[in-house]
Amino acid sequence: MMPRPADPLPALPYATPSAGGGSPVAAGVWVMLGGLALVFFGGCFCIGILLTVSGAVYGGLNPPQARLAGPQVALMITLYACAFACFAAGGYVLFLGLRKLLAVGR
């Protein structure tokens, strides 16, 4: 059996295409806010590192010179990696947003 050729659709007089694009300034501002949010999350990871090292989460290290246990070291390494990823991505996104905002002025 052969497929039927598609029937052309009738034009709809009330369906008009929407106006394209938005404000490039708004796009740049939202990208900048996204970059700042990533930097904020990187700071939250750094607070987690500080709490892990200080021992406040685990009831304090006794004596103060005591070493961290294996799972605590793994958590700290993971938090360092997440903080670095957030700061790197946030810096890159801030760079892109600033470049977009400066391009609007030209």
PDB file of N, CA and C in Angstrom:
ATOM      1  N   MET A   1       0.841  -1.163   0.000  1.00  0.00           N
ATOM      2  CA  MET A   1       0.000   0.000   0.000  1.00  0.00           C
ATOM      3  C   MET A   1       0.898   1.241   0.000  1.00  0.00           C
ATOM      4  N   MET A   2       0.597   2.195  -0.830  1.00  0.00           N
ATOM      5  CA  MET A   2       1.401   3.412  -0.943  1.00  0.00           C
ATOM      6  C   MET A   2       0.865   4.471   0.012  1.00  0.00           C
ATOM      7  N   PRO A   3       1.785   5.216   0.650  1.00  0.00           N
ATOM      8  CA  PRO A   3       1.306   6.273   1.555  1.00  0.00           C
ATOM      9  C   PRO A   3       0.648   7.403   0.769  1.00  0.00           C
ATOM     10  N   ARG A   4      -0.357   7.971   1.384  1.00  0.00           N
ATOM     11  CA  ARG A   4      -1.052   9.097   0.765  1.00  0.00           C
ATOM     12  C   ARG A   4      -0.203  10.346   0.881  1.00  0.00           C
ATOM     13  N   PRO A   5      -0.206  11.176  -0.130  1.00  0.00           N
ATOM     14  CA  PRO A   5       0.502  12.451   0.005  1.00  0.00           C
ATOM     15  C   PRO A   5      -0.214  13.325   1.034  1.00  0.00           C
ATOM     16  N   ALA A   6       0.569  14.078   1.770  1.00  0.00           N
ATOM     17  CA  ALA A   6      -0.005  14.925   2.815  1.00  0.00           C
ATOM     18  C   ALA A   6      -0.850  16.027   2.192  1.00  0.00           C
ATOM     19  N   ASP A   7      -2.015  16.213   2.761  1.00  0.00           N
ATOM     20  CA  ASP A   7      -2.879  17.299   2.297  1.00  0.00           C
ATOM     21  C   ASP A   7      -2.313  18.622   2.800  1.00  0.00           C
ATOM     22  N   PRO A   8      -2.261  19.636   1.942  1.00  0.00           N
ATOM     23  CA  PRO A   8      -1.785  20.934   2.434  1.00  0.00           C
ATOM     24  C   PRO A   8      -2.775  21.497   3.450  1.00  0.00           C
ATOM     25  N   LEU A   9      -2.236  22.024   4.516  1.00  0.00           N
ATOM     26  CA  LEU A   9      -3.088  22.579   5.561  1.00  0.00           C
ATOM     27  C   LEU A   9      -3.579  23.952   5.146  1.00  0.00           C
ATOM     28  N   PRO A  10      -4.824  24.245   5.417  1.00  0.00           N
ATOM     29  CA  PRO A  10      -5.327  25.578   5.061  1.00  0.00           C
ATOM     30  C   PRO A  10      -4.704  26.628   5.979  1.00  0.00           C
ATOM     31  N   ALA A  11      -4.518  27.819   5.445  1.00  0.00           N
ATOM     32  CA  ALA A  11      -3.957  28.920   6.231  1.00  0.00           C
ATOM     33  C   ALA A  11      -4.990  29.399   7.241  1.00  0.00           C
ATOM     34  N   LEU A  12      -4.542  29.667   8.432  1.00  0.00           N
ATOM     35  CA  LEU A  12      -5.425  30.169   9.480  1.00  0.00           C
ATOM     36  C   LEU A  12      -5.246  31.681   9.564  1.00  0.00           C
ATOM     37  N   PRO A  13      -6.289  32.443   9.308  1.00  0.00           N
ATOM     38  CA  PRO A  13      -6.117  33.900   9.286  1.00  0.00           C
ATOM     39  C   PRO A  13      -5.846  34.498  10.676  1.00  0.00           C
ATOM     40  N   TYR A  14      -6.236  33.811  11.728  1.00  0.00           N
ATOM     41  CA  TYR A  14      -6.047  34.354  13.068  1.00  0.00           C
ATOM     42  C   TYR A  14      -4.726  33.935  13.696  1.00  0.00           C
ATOM     43  N   ALA A  15      -4.013  33.011  13.088  1.00  0.00           N
ATOM     44  CA  ALA A  15      -2.758  32.518  13.650  1.00  0.00           C
ATOM     45  C   ALA A  15      -1.602  33.280  13.011  1.00  0.00           C
ATOM     46  N   THR A  16      -1.107  34.238  13.722  1.00  0.00           N
ATOM     47  CA  THR A  16       0.021  35.017  13.212  1.00  0.00           C
ATOM     48  C   THR A  16       1.259  34.684  14.029  1.00  0.00           C
ATOM     49  N   PRO A  17       2.418  34.681  13.407  1.00  0.00           N
ATOM     50  CA  PRO A  17       3.633  34.394  14.176  1.00  0.00           C
ATOM     51  C   PRO A  17       3.891  35.482  15.209  1.00  0.00           C
ATOM     52  N   SER A  18       4.408  35.051  16.345  1.00  0.00           N
ATOM     53  CA  SER A  18       4.685  36.007  17.420  1.00  0.00           C
ATOM     54  C   SER A  18       5.929  36.821  17.085  1.00  0.00           C
ATOM     55  N   ALA A  19       6.020  37.959  17.700  1.00  0.00           N
ATOM     56  CA  ALA A  19       7.188  38.812  17.507  1.00  0.00           C
ATOM     57  C   ALA A  19       8.408  38.091  18.056  1.00  0.00           C
ATOM     58  N   GLY A  20       9.489  38.090  17.334  1.00  0.00           N
ATOM     59  CA  GLY A  20      10.661  37.309  17.724  1.00  0.00           C
ATOM     60  C   GLY A  20      11.545  38.022  18.727  1.00  0.00           C
ATOM     61  N   GLY A  21      12.164  37.211  19.556  1.00  0.00           N
ATOM     62  CA  GLY A  21      13.197  37.706  20.461  1.00  0.00           C
ATOM     63  C   GLY A  21      12.682  38.490  21.648  1.00  0.00           C
ATOM     64  N   GLY A  22      13.550  38.594  22.596  1.00  0.00           N
ATOM     65  CA  GLY A  22      13.272  39.394  23.775  1.00  0.00           C
ATOM     66  C   GLY A  22      14.319  40.474  23.910  1.00  0.00           C
ATOM     67  N   SER A  23      14.379  41.044  25.043  1.00  0.00           N
ATOM     68  CA  SER A  23      15.337  42.104  25.294  1.00  0.00           C
ATOM     69  C   SER A  23      16.718  41.511  25.543  1.00  0.00           C
ATOM     70  N   PRO A  24      17.736  41.956  24.801  1.00  0.00           N
ATOM     71  CA  PRO A  24      19.083  41.437  25.069  1.00  0.00           C
ATOM     72  C   PRO A  24      19.626  41.890  26.424  1.00  0.00           C
ATOM     73  N   VAL A  25      19.142  43.020  26.916  1.00  0.00           N
ATOM     74  CA  VAL A  25      19.582  43.478  28.234  1.00  0.00           C
ATOM     75  C   VAL A  25      19.030  42.541  29.308  1.00  0.00           C
ATOM     76  N   ALA A  26      17.764  42.157  29.177  1.00  0.00           N
ATOM     77  CA  ALA A  26      17.176  41.240  30.152  1.00  0.00           C
ATOM     78  C   ALA A  26      17.890  39.890  30.117  1.00  0.00           C
ATOM     79  N   ALA A  27      18.241  39.443  28.919  1.00  0.00           N
ATOM     80  CA  ALA A  27      18.962  38.170  28.811  1.00  0.00           C
ATOM     81  C   ALA A  27      20.316  38.265  29.513  1.00  0.00           C
ATOM     82  N   GLY A  28      21.029  39.361  29.312  1.00  0.00           N
ATOM     83  CA  GLY A  28      22.323  39.536  29.967  1.00  0.00           C
ATOM     84  C   GLY A  28      22.203  39.602  31.478  1.00  0.00           C
ATOM     85  N   VAL A  29      21.166  40.279  31.950  1.00  0.00           N
ATOM     86  CA  VAL A  29      20.965  40.401  33.399  1.00  0.00           C
ATOM     87  C   VAL A  29      20.656  39.031  34.005  1.00  0.00           C
ATOM     88  N   TRP A  30      19.806  38.234  33.338  1.00  0.00           N
ATOM     89  CA  TRP A  30      19.476  36.912  33.864  1.00  0.00           C
ATOM     90  C   TRP A  30      20.683  35.991  33.853  1.00  0.00           C
ATOM     91  N   VAL A  31      21.515  36.108  32.833  1.00  0.00           N
ATOM     92  CA  VAL A  31      22.731  35.292  32.793  1.00  0.00           C
ATOM     93  C   VAL A  31      23.671  35.702  33.927  1.00  0.00           C
ATOM     94  N   MET A  32      23.786  37.005  34.173  1.00  0.00           N
ATOM     95  CA  MET A  32      24.624  37.479  35.276  1.00  0.00           C
ATOM     96  C   MET A  32      24.092  36.976  36.628  1.00  0.00           C
ATOM     97  N   LEU A  33      22.782  36.997  36.804  1.00  0.00           N
ATOM     98  CA  LEU A  33      22.207  36.495  38.056  1.00  0.00           C
ATOM     99  C   LEU A  33      22.460  34.997  38.213  1.00  0.00           C
ATOM    100  N   GLY A  34      22.423  34.260  37.119  1.00  0.00           N
ATOM    101  CA  GLY A  34      22.754  32.835  37.176  1.00  0.00           C
ATOM    102  C   GLY A  34      24.193  32.611  37.593  1.00  0.00           C
ATOM    103  N   GLY A  35      25.110  33.441  37.083  1.00  0.00           N
ATOM    104  CA  GLY A  35      26.512  33.337  37.480  1.00  0.00           C
ATOM    105  C   GLY A  35      26.707  33.656  38.954  1.00  0.00           C
ATOM    106  N   LEU A  36      26.005  34.677  39.434  1.00  0.00           N
ATOM    107  CA  LEU A  36      26.107  35.014  40.859  1.00  0.00           C
ATOM    108  C   LEU A  36      25.527  33.908  41.732  1.00  0.00           C
ATOM    109  N   ALA A  37      24.478  33.242  41.261  1.00  0.00           N
ATOM    110  CA  ALA A  37      23.916  32.123  42.014  1.00  0.00           C
ATOM    111  C   ALA A  37      24.919  30.975  42.096  1.00  0.00           C
ATOM    112  N   LEU A  38      25.649  30.717  41.014  1.00  0.00           N
ATOM    113  CA  LEU A  38      26.668  29.669  41.057  1.00  0.00           C
ATOM    114  C   LEU A  38      27.784  30.017  42.039  1.00  0.00           C
ATOM    115  N   VAL A  39      28.184  31.277  42.077  1.00  0.00           N
ATOM    116  CA  VAL A  39      29.208  31.694  43.040  1.00  0.00           C
ATOM    117  C   VAL A  39      28.678  31.544  44.468  1.00  0.00           C
ATOM    118  N   PHE A  40      27.402  31.862  44.672  1.00  0.00           N
ATOM    119  CA  PHE A  40      26.783  31.688  45.987  1.00  0.00           C
ATOM    120  C   PHE A  40      26.811  30.217  46.415  1.00  0.00           C
ATOM    121  N   PHE A  41      26.457  29.314  45.493  1.00  0.00           N
ATOM    122  CA  PHE A  41      26.476  27.886  45.817  1.00  0.00           C
ATOM    123  C   PHE A  41      27.894  27.395  46.103  1.00  0.00           C
ATOM    124  N   GLY A  42      28.872  27.943  45.399  1.00  0.00           N
ATOM    125  CA  GLY A  42      30.267  27.605  45.701  1.00  0.00           C
ATOM    126  C   GLY A  42      30.634  28.014  47.122  1.00  0.00           C
ATOM    127  N   GLY A  43      30.138  29.167  47.555  1.00  0.00           N
ATOM    128  CA  GLY A  43      30.363  29.599  48.929  1.00  0.00           C
ATOM    129  C   GLY A  43      29.689  28.687  49.939  1.00  0.00           C
ATOM    130  N   CYS A  44      28.527  28.181  49.586  1.00  0.00           N
ATOM    131  CA  CYS A  44      27.849  27.223  50.477  1.00  0.00           C
ATOM    132  C   CYS A  44      28.673  25.949  50.638  1.00  0.00           C
ATOM    133  N   PHE A  45      29.282  25.473  49.546  1.00  0.00           N
ATOM    134  CA  PHE A  45      30.153  24.305  49.640  1.00  0.00           C
ATOM    135  C   PHE A  45      31.365  24.614  50.521  1.00  0.00           C
ATOM    136  N   CYS A  46      31.890  25.831  50.424  1.00  0.00           N
ATOM    137  CA  CYS A  46      33.033  26.202  51.265  1.00  0.00           C
ATOM    138  C   CYS A  46      32.652  26.234  52.739  1.00  0.00           C
ATOM    139  N   ILE A  47      31.425  26.636  53.050  1.00  0.00           N
ATOM    140  CA  ILE A  47      30.956  26.588  54.433  1.00  0.00           C
ATOM    141  C   ILE A  47      30.891  25.143  54.918  1.00  0.00           C
ATOM    142  N   GLY A  48      30.475  24.239  54.042  1.00  0.00           N
ATOM    143  CA  GLY A  48      30.472  22.820  54.393  1.00  0.00           C
ATOM    144  C   GLY A  48      31.868  22.304  54.681  1.00  0.00           C
ATOM    145  N   ILE A  49      32.859  22.770  53.914  1.00  0.00           N
ATOM    146  CA  ILE A  49      34.256  22.396  54.162  1.00  0.00           C
ATOM    147  C   ILE A  49      34.693  22.906  55.532  1.00  0.00           C
ATOM    148  N   LEU A  50      34.346  24.147  55.825  1.00  0.00           N
ATOM    149  CA  LEU A  50      34.722  24.736  57.115  1.00  0.00           C
ATOM    150  C   LEU A  50      34.096  23.956  58.271  1.00  0.00           C
ATOM    151  N   LEU A  51      32.838  23.573  58.129  1.00  0.00           N
ATOM    152  CA  LEU A  51      32.186  22.807  59.198  1.00  0.00           C
ATOM    153  C   LEU A  51      32.808  21.427  59.349  1.00  0.00           C
ATOM    154  N   THR A  52      33.209  20.819  58.244  1.00  0.00           N
ATOM    155  CA  THR A  52      33.837  19.499  58.311  1.00  0.00           C
ATOM    156  C   THR A  52      35.190  19.579  58.998  1.00  0.00           C
ATOM    157  N   VAL A  53      35.981  20.566  58.648  1.00  0.00           N
ATOM    158  CA  VAL A  53      37.326  20.691  59.221  1.00  0.00           C
ATOM    159  C   VAL A  53      37.262  21.081  60.691  1.00  0.00           C
ATOM    160  N   SER A  54      36.315  21.962  61.038  1.00  0.00           N
ATOM    161  CA  SER A  54      36.227  22.389  62.435  1.00  0.00           C
ATOM    162  C   SER A  54      35.659  21.295  63.325  1.00  0.00           C
ATOM    163  N   GLY A  55      34.982  20.315  62.743  1.00  0.00           N
ATOM    164  CA  GLY A  55      34.418  19.230  63.536  1.00  0.00           C
ATOM    165  C   GLY A  55      33.113  19.592  64.204  1.00  0.00           C
ATOM    166  N   ALA A  56      32.522  20.732  63.837  1.00  0.00           N
ATOM    167  CA  ALA A  56      31.283  21.156  64.479  1.00  0.00           C
ATOM    168  C   ALA A  56      30.142  20.188  64.172  1.00  0.00           C
ATOM    169  N   VAL A  57      30.164  19.573  63.014  1.00  0.00           N
ATOM    170  CA  VAL A  57      29.091  18.657  62.640  1.00  0.00           C
ATOM    171  C   VAL A  57      29.215  17.345  63.401  1.00  0.00           C
ATOM    172  N   TYR A  58      30.439  16.944  63.695  1.00  0.00           N
ATOM    173  CA  TYR A  58      30.686  15.634  64.288  1.00  0.00           C
ATOM    174  C   TYR A  58      30.929  15.713  65.785  1.00  0.00           C
ATOM    175  N   GLY A  59      30.533  16.785  66.421  1.00  0.00           N
ATOM    176  CA  GLY A  59      30.669  16.895  67.856  1.00  0.00           C
ATOM    177  C   GLY A  59      32.051  17.350  68.296  1.00  0.00           C
ATOM    178  N   GLY A  60      32.817  17.909  67.388  1.00  0.00           N
ATOM    179  CA  GLY A  60      34.153  18.403  67.740  1.00  0.00           C
ATOM    180  C   GLY A  60      35.180  17.287  67.702  1.00  0.00           C
ATOM    181  N   LEU A  61      36.380  17.648  67.370  1.00  0.00           N
ATOM    182  CA  LEU A  61      37.482  16.687  67.347  1.00  0.00           C
ATOM    183  C   LEU A  61      38.201  16.740  68.687  1.00  0.00           C
ATOM    184  N   ASN A  62      38.335  15.595  69.363  1.00  0.00           N
ATOM    185  CA  ASN A  62      39.032  15.552  70.647  1.00  0.00           C
ATOM    186  C   ASN A  62      40.212  14.633  70.526  1.00  0.00           C
ATOM    187  N   PRO A  63      41.370  15.008  70.749  1.00  0.00           N
ATOM    188  CA  PRO A  63      41.866  16.374  70.955  1.00  0.00           C
ATOM    189  C   PRO A  63      41.831  17.173  69.647  1.00  0.00           C
ATOM    190  N   PRO A  64      42.077  18.480  69.707  1.00  0.00           N
ATOM    191  CA  PRO A  64      41.998  19.318  68.507  1.00  0.00           C
ATOM    192  C   PRO A  64      42.956  18.885  67.398  1.00  0.00           C
ATOM    193  N   GLN A  65      44.022  18.181  67.714  1.00  0.00           N
ATOM    194  CA  GLN A  65      44.981  17.747  66.699  1.00  0.00           C
ATOM    195  C   GLN A  65      44.560  16.428  66.041  1.00  0.00           C
ATOM    196  N   ALA A  66      43.404  15.874  66.414  1.00  0.00           N
ATOM    197  CA  ALA A  66      42.968  14.582  65.873  1.00  0.00           C
ATOM    198  C   ALA A  66      42.758  14.699  64.364  1.00  0.00           C
ATOM    199  N   ARG A  67      43.015  13.577  63.687  1.00  0.00           N
ATOM    200  CA  ARG A  67      42.882  13.557  62.229  1.00  0.00           C
ATOM    201  C   ARG A  67      41.448  13.215  61.846  1.00  0.00           C
ATOM    202  N   LEU A  68      41.067  13.647  60.642  1.00  0.00           N
ATOM    203  CA  LEU A  68      39.739  13.330  60.131  1.00  0.00           C
ATOM    204  C   LEU A  68      39.687  11.865  59.714  1.00  0.00           C
ATOM    205  N   ALA A  69      38.536  11.264  59.852  1.00  0.00           N
ATOM    206  CA  ALA A  69      38.342   9.872  59.429  1.00  0.00           C
ATOM    207  C   ALA A  69      38.195   9.819  57.911  1.00  0.00           C
ATOM    208  N   GLY A  70      38.251   8.631  57.343  1.00  0.00           N
ATOM    209  CA  GLY A  70      38.176   8.447  55.899  1.00  0.00           C
ATOM    210  C   GLY A  70      36.935   9.039  55.250  1.00  0.00           C
ATOM    211  N   PRO A  71      35.730   8.762  55.785  1.00  0.00           N
ATOM    212  CA  PRO A  71      34.529   9.349  55.175  1.00  0.00           C
ATOM    213  C   PRO A  71      34.514  10.883  55.248  1.00  0.00           C
ATOM    214  N   GLN A  72      35.085  11.437  56.319  1.00  0.00           N
ATOM    215  CA  GLN A  72      35.141  12.891  56.435  1.00  0.00           C
ATOM    216  C   GLN A  72      36.084  13.487  55.392  1.00  0.00           C
ATOM    217  N   VAL A  73      37.195  12.811  55.134  1.00  0.00           N
ATOM    218  CA  VAL A  73      38.125  13.275  54.104  1.00  0.00           C
ATOM    219  C   VAL A  73      37.469  13.177  52.735  1.00  0.00           C
ATOM    220  N   ALA A  74      36.739  12.088  52.486  1.00  0.00           N
ATOM    221  CA  ALA A  74      36.038  11.935  51.206  1.00  0.00           C
ATOM    222  C   ALA A  74      34.998  13.035  51.019  1.00  0.00           C
ATOM    223  N   LEU A  75      34.278  13.354  52.092  1.00  0.00           N
ATOM    224  CA  LEU A  75      33.298  14.438  52.025  1.00  0.00           C
ATOM    225  C   LEU A  75      33.986  15.760  51.732  1.00  0.00           C
ATOM    226  N   MET A  76      35.103  16.018  52.391  1.00  0.00           N
ATOM    227  CA  MET A  76      35.815  17.270  52.184  1.00  0.00           C
ATOM    228  C   MET A  76      36.334  17.387  50.751  1.00  0.00           C
ATOM    229  N   ILE A  77      36.859  16.302  50.194  1.00  0.00           N
ATOM    230  CA  ILE A  77      37.346  16.325  48.814  1.00  0.00           C
ATOM    231  C   ILE A  77      36.188  16.570  47.848  1.00  0.00           C
ATOM    232  N   THR A  78      35.038  15.949  48.113  1.00  0.00           N
ATOM    233  CA  THR A  78      33.862  16.155  47.269  1.00  0.00           C
ATOM    234  C   THR A  78      33.389  17.603  47.341  1.00  0.00           C
ATOM    235  N   LEU A  79      33.388  18.165  48.546  1.00  0.00           N
ATOM    236  CA  LEU A  79      32.966  19.554  48.692  1.00  0.00           C
ATOM    237  C   LEU A  79      33.939  20.503  47.993  1.00  0.00           C
ATOM    238  N   TYR A  80      35.253  20.219  48.071  1.00  0.00           N
ATOM    239  CA  TYR A  80      36.227  21.035  47.350  1.00  0.00           C
ATOM    240  C   TYR A  80      35.982  20.972  45.846  1.00  0.00           C
ATOM    241  N   ALA A  81      35.714  19.777  45.325  1.00  0.00           N
ATOM    242  CA  ALA A  81      35.471  19.630  43.888  1.00  0.00           C
ATOM    243  C   ALA A  81      34.212  20.379  43.458  1.00  0.00           C
ATOM    244  N   CYS A  82      33.154  20.276  44.268  1.00  0.00           N
ATOM    245  CA  CYS A  82      31.912  20.986  43.939  1.00  0.00           C
ATOM    246  C   CYS A  82      32.093  22.498  44.020  1.00  0.00           C
ATOM    247  N   ALA A  83      32.829  22.967  45.027  1.00  0.00           N
ATOM    248  CA  ALA A  83      33.072  24.401  45.148  1.00  0.00           C
ATOM    249  C   ALA A  83      33.891  24.904  43.968  1.00  0.00           C
ATOM    250  N   PHE A  84      34.932  24.167  43.582  1.00  0.00           N
ATOM    251  CA  PHE A  84      35.739  24.582  42.444  1.00  0.00           C
ATOM    252  C   PHE A  84      34.901  24.610  41.175  1.00  0.00           C
ATOM    253  N   ALA A  85      34.048  23.598  40.968  1.00  0.00           N
ATOM    254  CA  ALA A  85      33.205  23.560  39.775  1.00  0.00           C
ATOM    255  C   ALA A  85      32.233  24.744  39.756  1.00  0.00           C
ATOM    256  N   CYS A  86      31.652  25.068  40.907  1.00  0.00           N
ATOM    257  CA  CYS A  86      30.719  26.200  40.971  1.00  0.00           C
ATOM    258  C   CYS A  86      31.429  27.518  40.714  1.00  0.00           C
ATOM    259  N   PHE A  87      32.600  27.714  41.301  1.00  0.00           N
ATOM    260  CA  PHE A  87      33.324  28.967  41.083  1.00  0.00           C
ATOM    261  C   PHE A  87      33.785  29.095  39.633  1.00  0.00           C
ATOM    262  N   ALA A  88      34.258  28.007  39.041  1.00  0.00           N
ATOM    263  CA  ALA A  88      34.704  28.054  37.646  1.00  0.00           C
ATOM    264  C   ALA A  88      33.525  28.321  36.709  1.00  0.00           C
ATOM    265  N   ALA A  89      32.421  27.604  36.910  1.00  0.00           N
ATOM    266  CA  ALA A  89      31.249  27.807  36.064  1.00  0.00           C
ATOM    267  C   ALA A  89      30.648  29.192  36.289  1.00  0.00           C
ATOM    268  N   GLY A  90      30.621  29.644  37.534  1.00  0.00           N
ATOM    269  CA  GLY A  90      30.097  30.979  37.824  1.00  0.00           C
ATOM    270  C   GLY A  90      30.937  32.068  37.186  1.00  0.00           C
ATOM    271  N   GLY A  91      32.258  31.925  37.228  1.00  0.00           N
ATOM    272  CA  GLY A  91      33.121  32.904  36.570  1.00  0.00           C
ATOM    273  C   GLY A  91      32.913  32.928  35.069  1.00  0.00           C
ATOM    274  N   TYR A  92      32.765  31.747  34.480  1.00  0.00           N
ATOM    275  CA  TYR A  92      32.543  31.675  33.029  1.00  0.00           C
ATOM    276  C   TYR A  92      31.197  32.286  32.650  1.00  0.00           C
ATOM    277  N   VAL A  93      30.153  31.983  33.422  1.00  0.00           N
ATOM    278  CA  VAL A  93      28.824  32.517  33.126  1.00  0.00           C
ATOM    279  C   VAL A  93      28.799  34.023  33.349  1.00  0.00           C
ATOM    280  N   LEU A  94      29.479  34.516  34.371  1.00  0.00           N
ATOM    281  CA  LEU A  94      29.564  35.965  34.573  1.00  0.00           C
ATOM    282  C   LEU A  94      30.285  36.635  33.402  1.00  0.00           C
ATOM    283  N   PHE A  95      31.333  35.988  32.901  1.00  0.00           N
ATOM    284  CA  PHE A  95      32.039  36.513  31.740  1.00  0.00           C
ATOM    285  C   PHE A  95      31.110  36.591  30.527  1.00  0.00           C
ATOM    286  N   LEU A  96      30.327  35.527  30.295  1.00  0.00           N
ATOM    287  CA  LEU A  96      29.400  35.525  29.162  1.00  0.00           C
ATOM    288  C   LEU A  96      28.324  36.600  29.316  1.00  0.00           C
ATOM    289  N   GLY A  97      27.788  36.744  30.522  1.00  0.00           N
ATOM    290  CA  GLY A  97      26.761  37.758  30.747  1.00  0.00           C
ATOM    291  C   GLY A  97      27.287  39.167  30.592  1.00  0.00           C
ATOM    292  N   LEU A  98      28.489  39.420  31.082  1.00  0.00           N
ATOM    293  CA  LEU A  98      29.086  40.750  30.939  1.00  0.00           C
ATOM    294  C   LEU A  98      29.376  41.042  29.478  1.00  0.00           C
ATOM    295  N   ARG A  99      29.844  40.041  28.737  1.00  0.00           N
ATOM    296  CA  ARG A  99      30.105  40.232  27.318  1.00  0.00           C
ATOM    297  C   ARG A  99      28.801  40.533  26.575  1.00  0.00           C
ATOM    298  N   LYS A 100      27.722  39.859  26.949  1.00  0.00           N
ATOM    299  CA  LYS A 100      26.414  40.112  26.326  1.00  0.00           C
ATOM    300  C   LYS A 100      25.927  41.518  26.629  1.00  0.00           C
ATOM    301  N   LEU A 101      26.087  41.964  27.878  1.00  0.00           N
ATOM    302  CA  LEU A 101      25.641  43.298  28.240  1.00  0.00           C
ATOM    303  C   LEU A 101      26.481  44.379  27.551  1.00  0.00           C
ATOM    304  N   LEU A 102      27.770  44.150  27.422  1.00  0.00           N
ATOM    305  CA  LEU A 102      28.609  45.139  26.747  1.00  0.00           C
ATOM    306  C   LEU A 102      28.344  45.166  25.244  1.00  0.00           C
ATOM    307  N   ALA A 103      27.928  44.040  24.676  1.00  0.00           N
ATOM    308  CA  ALA A 103      27.603  44.016  23.243  1.00  0.00           C
ATOM    309  C   ALA A 103      26.339  44.799  22.932  1.00  0.00           C
ATOM    310  N   VAL A 104      25.451  44.929  23.908  1.00  0.00           N
ATOM    311  CA  VAL A 104      24.212  45.685  23.693  1.00  0.00           C
ATOM    312  C   VAL A 104      24.527  47.155  23.495  1.00  0.00           C
ATOM    313  N   GLY A 105      25.531  47.652  24.161  1.00  0.00           N
ATOM    314  CA  GLY A 105      25.884  49.080  24.083  1.00  0.00           C
ATOM    315  C   GLY A 105      26.516  49.487  22.763  1.00  0.00           C
ATOM    316  N   ARG A 106      26.982  48.527  21.994  1.00  0.00           N
ATOM    317  CA  ARG A 106      27.626  48.884  20.717  1.00  0.00           C
ATOM    318  C   ARG A 106      26.630  49.211  19.654  1.00  0.00           C
TER     319      ARG A 106
END
